[in-house]
């Protein structure tokens, strides 16, 4: 279904509209990644404040998780986006090859 939509968009739109849509996909993916990570950190911060209020032993563990996520924030965003764009590239490569799987030669 997605492949058919991509083909239809490419055949019905001008070059500048296609470029705009490609940029929109990139931007949307980056925002989604950052928002998801921010929500995870926010949830952990809420749990941390609840744990501190109850004097729970889990507070230190949660604080460590928040610290690790904050420290590696950019690396996580980069890795997720890299994987997404790698998969998107594979779909595009498969589409430009006519939908055929690459032929491997065996000796």
N, C-alpha and C. Protein backbone atom coordinates (compact mmCIF):
# COMPACT_ATOMS: atom_id res chain seq x y z
N UNK A 1 0.83 -1.19 0.00
CA UNK A 1 0.00 0.00 0.00
C UNK A 1 0.87 1.26 0.00
N UNK A 2 1.89 1.27 0.86
CA UNK A 2 2.77 2.43 0.94
C UNK A 2 3.56 2.60 -0.36
N UNK A 3 3.98 1.49 -0.93
CA UNK A 3 4.74 1.53 -2.17
C UNK A 3 3.89 2.10 -3.30
N UNK A 4 2.62 1.69 -3.36
CA UNK A 4 1.72 2.22 -4.38
C UNK A 4 1.51 3.72 -4.20
N UNK A 5 1.39 4.15 -2.94
CA UNK A 5 1.21 5.58 -2.67
C UNK A 5 2.45 6.36 -3.11
N UNK A 6 3.63 5.83 -2.81
CA UNK A 6 4.87 6.51 -3.20
C UNK A 6 4.95 6.61 -4.72
N UNK A 7 4.61 5.54 -5.42
CA UNK A 7 4.64 5.57 -6.88
C UNK A 7 3.64 6.59 -7.43
N UNK A 8 2.45 6.63 -6.84
CA UNK A 8 1.43 7.58 -7.30
C UNK A 8 1.88 9.01 -7.07
N UNK A 9 2.46 9.27 -5.91
CA UNK A 9 2.94 10.62 -5.61
C UNK A 9 4.02 11.02 -6.60
N UNK A 10 4.95 10.11 -6.89
CA UNK A 10 6.04 10.44 -7.81
C UNK A 10 5.55 10.66 -9.23
N UNK A 11 4.49 9.99 -9.62
CA UNK A 11 4.00 10.17 -10.99
C UNK A 11 3.06 11.36 -11.14
N UNK A 12 2.40 11.77 -10.05
CA UNK A 12 1.41 12.85 -10.12
C UNK A 12 1.96 14.22 -9.75
N UNK A 13 3.11 14.29 -9.11
CA UNK A 13 3.62 15.56 -8.61
C UNK A 13 4.82 16.04 -9.42
N UNK A 14 5.04 17.36 -9.30
CA UNK A 14 6.20 17.93 -9.98
C UNK A 14 7.46 17.65 -9.15
N UNK A 15 8.61 17.93 -9.74
CA UNK A 15 9.88 17.67 -9.06
C UNK A 15 10.00 18.47 -7.77
N UNK A 16 9.60 19.72 -7.78
CA UNK A 16 9.71 20.55 -6.57
C UNK A 16 8.78 20.05 -5.47
N UNK A 17 7.62 19.54 -5.84
CA UNK A 17 6.69 19.01 -4.83
C UNK A 17 7.24 17.71 -4.23
N UNK A 18 7.90 16.91 -5.04
CA UNK A 18 8.51 15.68 -4.53
C UNK A 18 9.63 16.01 -3.55
N UNK A 19 10.44 16.98 -3.88
CA UNK A 19 11.54 17.38 -2.99
C UNK A 19 10.97 17.89 -1.67
N UNK A 20 9.90 18.67 -1.73
CA UNK A 20 9.26 19.18 -0.52
C UNK A 20 8.74 18.03 0.34
N UNK A 21 8.12 17.04 -0.27
CA UNK A 21 7.63 15.89 0.48
C UNK A 21 8.77 15.08 1.09
N UNK A 22 9.87 14.93 0.37
CA UNK A 22 11.01 14.21 0.92
C UNK A 22 11.57 14.93 2.14
N UNK A 23 11.63 16.25 2.05
CA UNK A 23 12.09 17.03 3.19
C UNK A 23 11.12 16.88 4.37
N UNK A 24 9.82 16.85 4.08
CA UNK A 24 8.81 16.71 5.13
C UNK A 24 8.94 15.37 5.85
N UNK A 25 9.24 14.32 5.12
CA UNK A 25 9.43 13.00 5.73
C UNK A 25 10.64 13.04 6.66
N UNK A 26 11.74 13.62 6.20
CA UNK A 26 12.95 13.73 7.02
C UNK A 26 12.66 14.51 8.30
N UNK A 27 12.01 15.64 8.15
CA UNK A 27 11.72 16.50 9.29
C UNK A 27 10.77 15.80 10.28
N UNK A 28 9.77 15.14 9.75
CA UNK A 28 8.80 14.45 10.59
C UNK A 28 9.47 13.33 11.38
N UNK A 29 10.34 12.58 10.74
CA UNK A 29 11.02 11.48 11.43
C UNK A 29 11.91 12.01 12.55
N UNK A 30 12.62 13.08 12.28
CA UNK A 30 13.49 13.66 13.31
C UNK A 30 12.67 14.18 14.49
N UNK A 31 11.56 14.84 14.22
CA UNK A 31 10.71 15.35 15.29
C UNK A 31 10.11 14.21 16.10
N UNK A 32 9.67 13.17 15.42
CA UNK A 32 9.07 12.03 16.12
C UNK A 32 10.09 11.36 17.03
N UNK A 33 11.30 11.20 16.56
CA UNK A 33 12.35 10.59 17.38
C UNK A 33 12.63 11.43 18.62
N UNK A 34 12.80 12.72 18.41
CA UNK A 34 13.09 13.60 19.55
C UNK A 34 11.91 13.66 20.53
N UNK A 35 10.69 13.75 20.03
CA UNK A 35 9.52 13.80 20.90
C UNK A 35 9.37 12.52 21.72
N UNK A 36 9.62 11.38 21.10
CA UNK A 36 9.51 10.11 21.82
C UNK A 36 10.55 10.02 22.92
N UNK A 37 11.77 10.43 22.61
CA UNK A 37 12.83 10.40 23.62
C UNK A 37 12.55 11.40 24.74
N UNK A 38 12.05 12.58 24.39
CA UNK A 38 11.68 13.57 25.41
C UNK A 38 10.57 13.05 26.31
N UNK A 39 9.60 12.35 25.72
CA UNK A 39 8.51 11.77 26.52
C UNK A 39 9.03 10.70 27.47
N UNK A 40 9.98 9.88 27.00
CA UNK A 40 10.57 8.87 27.88
C UNK A 40 11.28 9.51 29.06
N UNK A 41 12.04 10.55 28.79
CA UNK A 41 12.76 11.25 29.87
C UNK A 41 11.77 11.90 30.82
N UNK A 42 10.71 12.50 30.27
CA UNK A 42 9.68 13.12 31.11
C UNK A 42 8.98 12.11 32.00
N UNK A 43 8.68 10.95 31.47
CA UNK A 43 8.05 9.89 32.26
C UNK A 43 8.97 9.44 33.39
N UNK A 44 10.24 9.29 33.06
CA UNK A 44 11.20 8.90 34.09
C UNK A 44 11.34 9.98 35.17
N UNK A 45 11.29 11.25 34.78
CA UNK A 45 11.37 12.33 35.76
C UNK A 45 10.17 12.30 36.70
N UNK A 46 9.00 12.01 36.15
CA UNK A 46 7.79 11.89 36.98
C UNK A 46 7.94 10.73 37.96
N UNK A 47 8.43 9.59 37.47
CA UNK A 47 8.65 8.44 38.35
C UNK A 47 9.68 8.76 39.42
N UNK A 48 10.69 9.54 39.04
CA UNK A 48 11.73 9.91 40.00
C UNK A 48 11.15 10.75 41.13
N UNK A 49 10.33 11.73 40.78
CA UNK A 49 9.76 12.58 41.84
C UNK A 49 8.81 11.77 42.73
N UNK A 50 8.08 10.82 42.15
CA UNK A 50 7.21 9.96 42.95
C UNK A 50 8.03 9.06 43.87
N UNK A 51 9.13 8.53 43.35
CA UNK A 51 9.99 7.65 44.15
C UNK A 51 10.65 8.41 45.29
N UNK A 52 11.05 9.63 45.03
CA UNK A 52 11.66 10.44 46.09
C UNK A 52 10.65 10.78 47.16
N UNK A 53 9.40 10.99 46.76
CA UNK A 53 8.35 11.31 47.74
C UNK A 53 8.07 10.15 48.66
N UNK A 54 8.23 8.93 48.16
CA UNK A 54 8.00 7.73 48.97
C UNK A 54 9.29 7.21 49.59
N UNK A 55 10.37 7.89 49.36
CA UNK A 55 11.69 7.45 49.84
C UNK A 55 11.99 6.03 49.36
N UNK A 56 11.69 5.79 48.09
CA UNK A 56 11.91 4.47 47.50
C UNK A 56 13.37 4.30 47.11
N UNK A 57 13.82 3.06 47.12
CA UNK A 57 15.18 2.74 46.72
C UNK A 57 15.38 2.79 45.22
N UNK A 58 14.29 2.89 44.48
CA UNK A 58 14.38 2.91 43.03
C UNK A 58 14.81 4.28 42.48
N UNK A 59 14.81 5.28 43.33
CA UNK A 59 15.11 6.64 42.87
C UNK A 59 16.49 6.74 42.24
N UNK A 60 17.47 6.10 42.83
CA UNK A 60 18.82 6.15 42.29
C UNK A 60 18.90 5.49 40.92
N UNK A 61 18.23 4.36 40.76
CA UNK A 61 18.20 3.66 39.48
C UNK A 61 17.53 4.52 38.40
N UNK A 62 16.42 5.14 38.75
CA UNK A 62 15.71 6.00 37.79
C UNK A 62 16.56 7.21 37.45
N UNK A 63 17.23 7.77 38.42
CA UNK A 63 18.10 8.92 38.18
C UNK A 63 19.25 8.54 37.25
N UNK A 64 19.77 7.35 37.41
CA UNK A 64 20.83 6.86 36.51
C UNK A 64 20.32 6.73 35.08
N UNK A 65 19.09 6.22 34.93
CA UNK A 65 18.50 6.10 33.60
C UNK A 65 18.32 7.46 32.94
N UNK A 66 17.83 8.42 33.70
CA UNK A 66 17.65 9.78 33.17
C UNK A 66 18.99 10.36 32.76
N UNK A 67 20.00 10.19 33.60
CA UNK A 67 21.33 10.71 33.29
C UNK A 67 21.87 10.09 32.01
N UNK A 68 21.74 8.74 31.89
CA UNK A 68 22.26 8.04 30.71
C UNK A 68 21.54 8.51 29.45
N UNK A 69 20.20 8.59 29.49
CA UNK A 69 19.45 9.04 28.32
C UNK A 69 19.81 10.48 27.95
N UNK A 70 19.98 11.33 28.94
CA UNK A 70 20.34 12.73 28.66
C UNK A 70 21.75 12.83 28.08
N UNK A 71 22.66 12.05 28.62
CA UNK A 71 24.05 12.08 28.15
C UNK A 71 24.16 11.58 26.72
N UNK A 72 23.40 10.54 26.38
CA UNK A 72 23.48 9.92 25.06
C UNK A 72 22.34 10.35 24.13
N UNK A 73 21.68 11.44 24.45
CA UNK A 73 20.51 11.91 23.71
C UNK A 73 20.79 12.02 22.21
N UNK A 74 21.83 12.75 21.86
CA UNK A 74 22.14 12.96 20.44
C UNK A 74 22.55 11.67 19.73
N UNK A 75 23.26 10.80 20.43
CA UNK A 75 23.67 9.52 19.84
C UNK A 75 22.45 8.65 19.56
N UNK A 76 21.50 8.65 20.49
CA UNK A 76 20.28 7.86 20.31
C UNK A 76 19.49 8.39 19.12
N UNK A 77 19.30 9.71 19.07
CA UNK A 77 18.55 10.31 17.95
C UNK A 77 19.24 9.99 16.63
N UNK A 78 20.55 10.13 16.58
CA UNK A 78 21.30 9.84 15.36
C UNK A 78 21.13 8.37 14.95
N UNK A 79 21.25 7.46 15.91
CA UNK A 79 21.16 6.03 15.60
C UNK A 79 19.78 5.64 15.08
N UNK A 80 18.74 6.15 15.72
CA UNK A 80 17.38 5.82 15.28
C UNK A 80 17.13 6.38 13.89
N UNK A 81 17.50 7.64 13.68
CA UNK A 81 17.30 8.24 12.36
C UNK A 81 18.14 7.55 11.29
N UNK A 82 19.33 7.15 11.63
CA UNK A 82 20.19 6.45 10.68
C UNK A 82 19.56 5.14 10.24
N UNK A 83 19.04 4.39 11.21
CA UNK A 83 18.38 3.13 10.88
C UNK A 83 17.15 3.35 10.01
N UNK A 84 16.37 4.39 10.32
CA UNK A 84 15.19 4.69 9.52
C UNK A 84 15.56 5.02 8.09
N UNK A 85 16.54 5.89 7.92
CA UNK A 85 16.93 6.30 6.58
C UNK A 85 17.62 5.17 5.82
N UNK A 86 18.29 4.28 6.54
CA UNK A 86 18.88 3.11 5.89
C UNK A 86 17.76 2.23 5.32
N UNK A 87 16.71 2.01 6.12
CA UNK A 87 15.59 1.20 5.64
C UNK A 87 14.86 1.90 4.49
N UNK A 88 14.72 3.20 4.59
CA UNK A 88 14.08 3.97 3.51
C UNK A 88 14.91 3.86 2.23
N UNK A 89 16.22 3.91 2.36
CA UNK A 89 17.10 3.76 1.21
C UNK A 89 16.99 2.40 0.56
N UNK A 90 16.85 1.36 1.39
CA UNK A 90 16.68 0.02 0.85
C UNK A 90 15.38 -0.11 0.07
N UNK A 91 14.32 0.51 0.58
CA UNK A 91 13.04 0.49 -0.13
C UNK A 91 13.16 1.22 -1.46
N UNK A 92 13.82 2.37 -1.43
CA UNK A 92 14.00 3.14 -2.66
C UNK A 92 14.86 2.37 -3.67
N UNK A 93 15.92 1.72 -3.19
CA UNK A 93 16.80 0.96 -4.07
C UNK A 93 16.03 -0.21 -4.69
N UNK A 94 15.22 -0.85 -3.89
CA UNK A 94 14.42 -1.97 -4.38
C UNK A 94 13.41 -1.47 -5.42
N UNK A 95 12.84 -0.30 -5.17
CA UNK A 95 11.85 0.26 -6.09
C UNK A 95 12.50 0.65 -7.42
N UNK A 96 13.70 1.23 -7.38
CA UNK A 96 14.37 1.64 -8.62
C UNK A 96 14.91 0.44 -9.39
N UNK A 97 15.11 -0.69 -8.71
CA UNK A 97 15.59 -1.89 -9.39
C UNK A 97 14.44 -2.66 -10.02
N UNK A 98 13.25 -2.08 -10.01
CA UNK A 98 12.11 -2.74 -10.62
C UNK A 98 11.46 -3.77 -9.72
N UNK A 99 11.74 -3.68 -8.42
CA UNK A 99 11.11 -4.58 -7.49
C UNK A 99 11.70 -5.97 -7.46
N UNK A 100 12.81 -6.16 -8.15
CA UNK A 100 13.43 -7.48 -8.18
C UNK A 100 14.52 -7.56 -7.13
N UNK A 101 14.62 -8.70 -6.52
CA UNK A 101 15.68 -8.91 -5.54
C UNK A 101 17.00 -9.04 -6.29
N UNK A 102 18.11 -8.59 -5.69
CA UNK A 102 19.40 -8.73 -6.36
C UNK A 102 19.75 -10.18 -6.59
N UNK A 103 20.36 -10.44 -7.72
CA UNK A 103 20.76 -11.79 -8.10
C UNK A 103 22.16 -12.03 -7.61
N UNK A 104 22.34 -13.11 -6.87
CA UNK A 104 23.69 -13.43 -6.41
C UNK A 104 24.25 -14.56 -7.27
N UNK A 105 25.50 -14.45 -7.57
CA UNK A 105 26.16 -15.46 -8.40
C UNK A 105 26.92 -16.40 -7.50
N UNK A 106 26.71 -17.67 -7.73
CA UNK A 106 27.43 -18.67 -6.94
C UNK A 106 28.44 -19.36 -7.84
N UNK A 107 29.61 -19.60 -7.33
CA UNK A 107 30.66 -20.25 -8.11
C UNK A 107 30.57 -21.75 -7.98
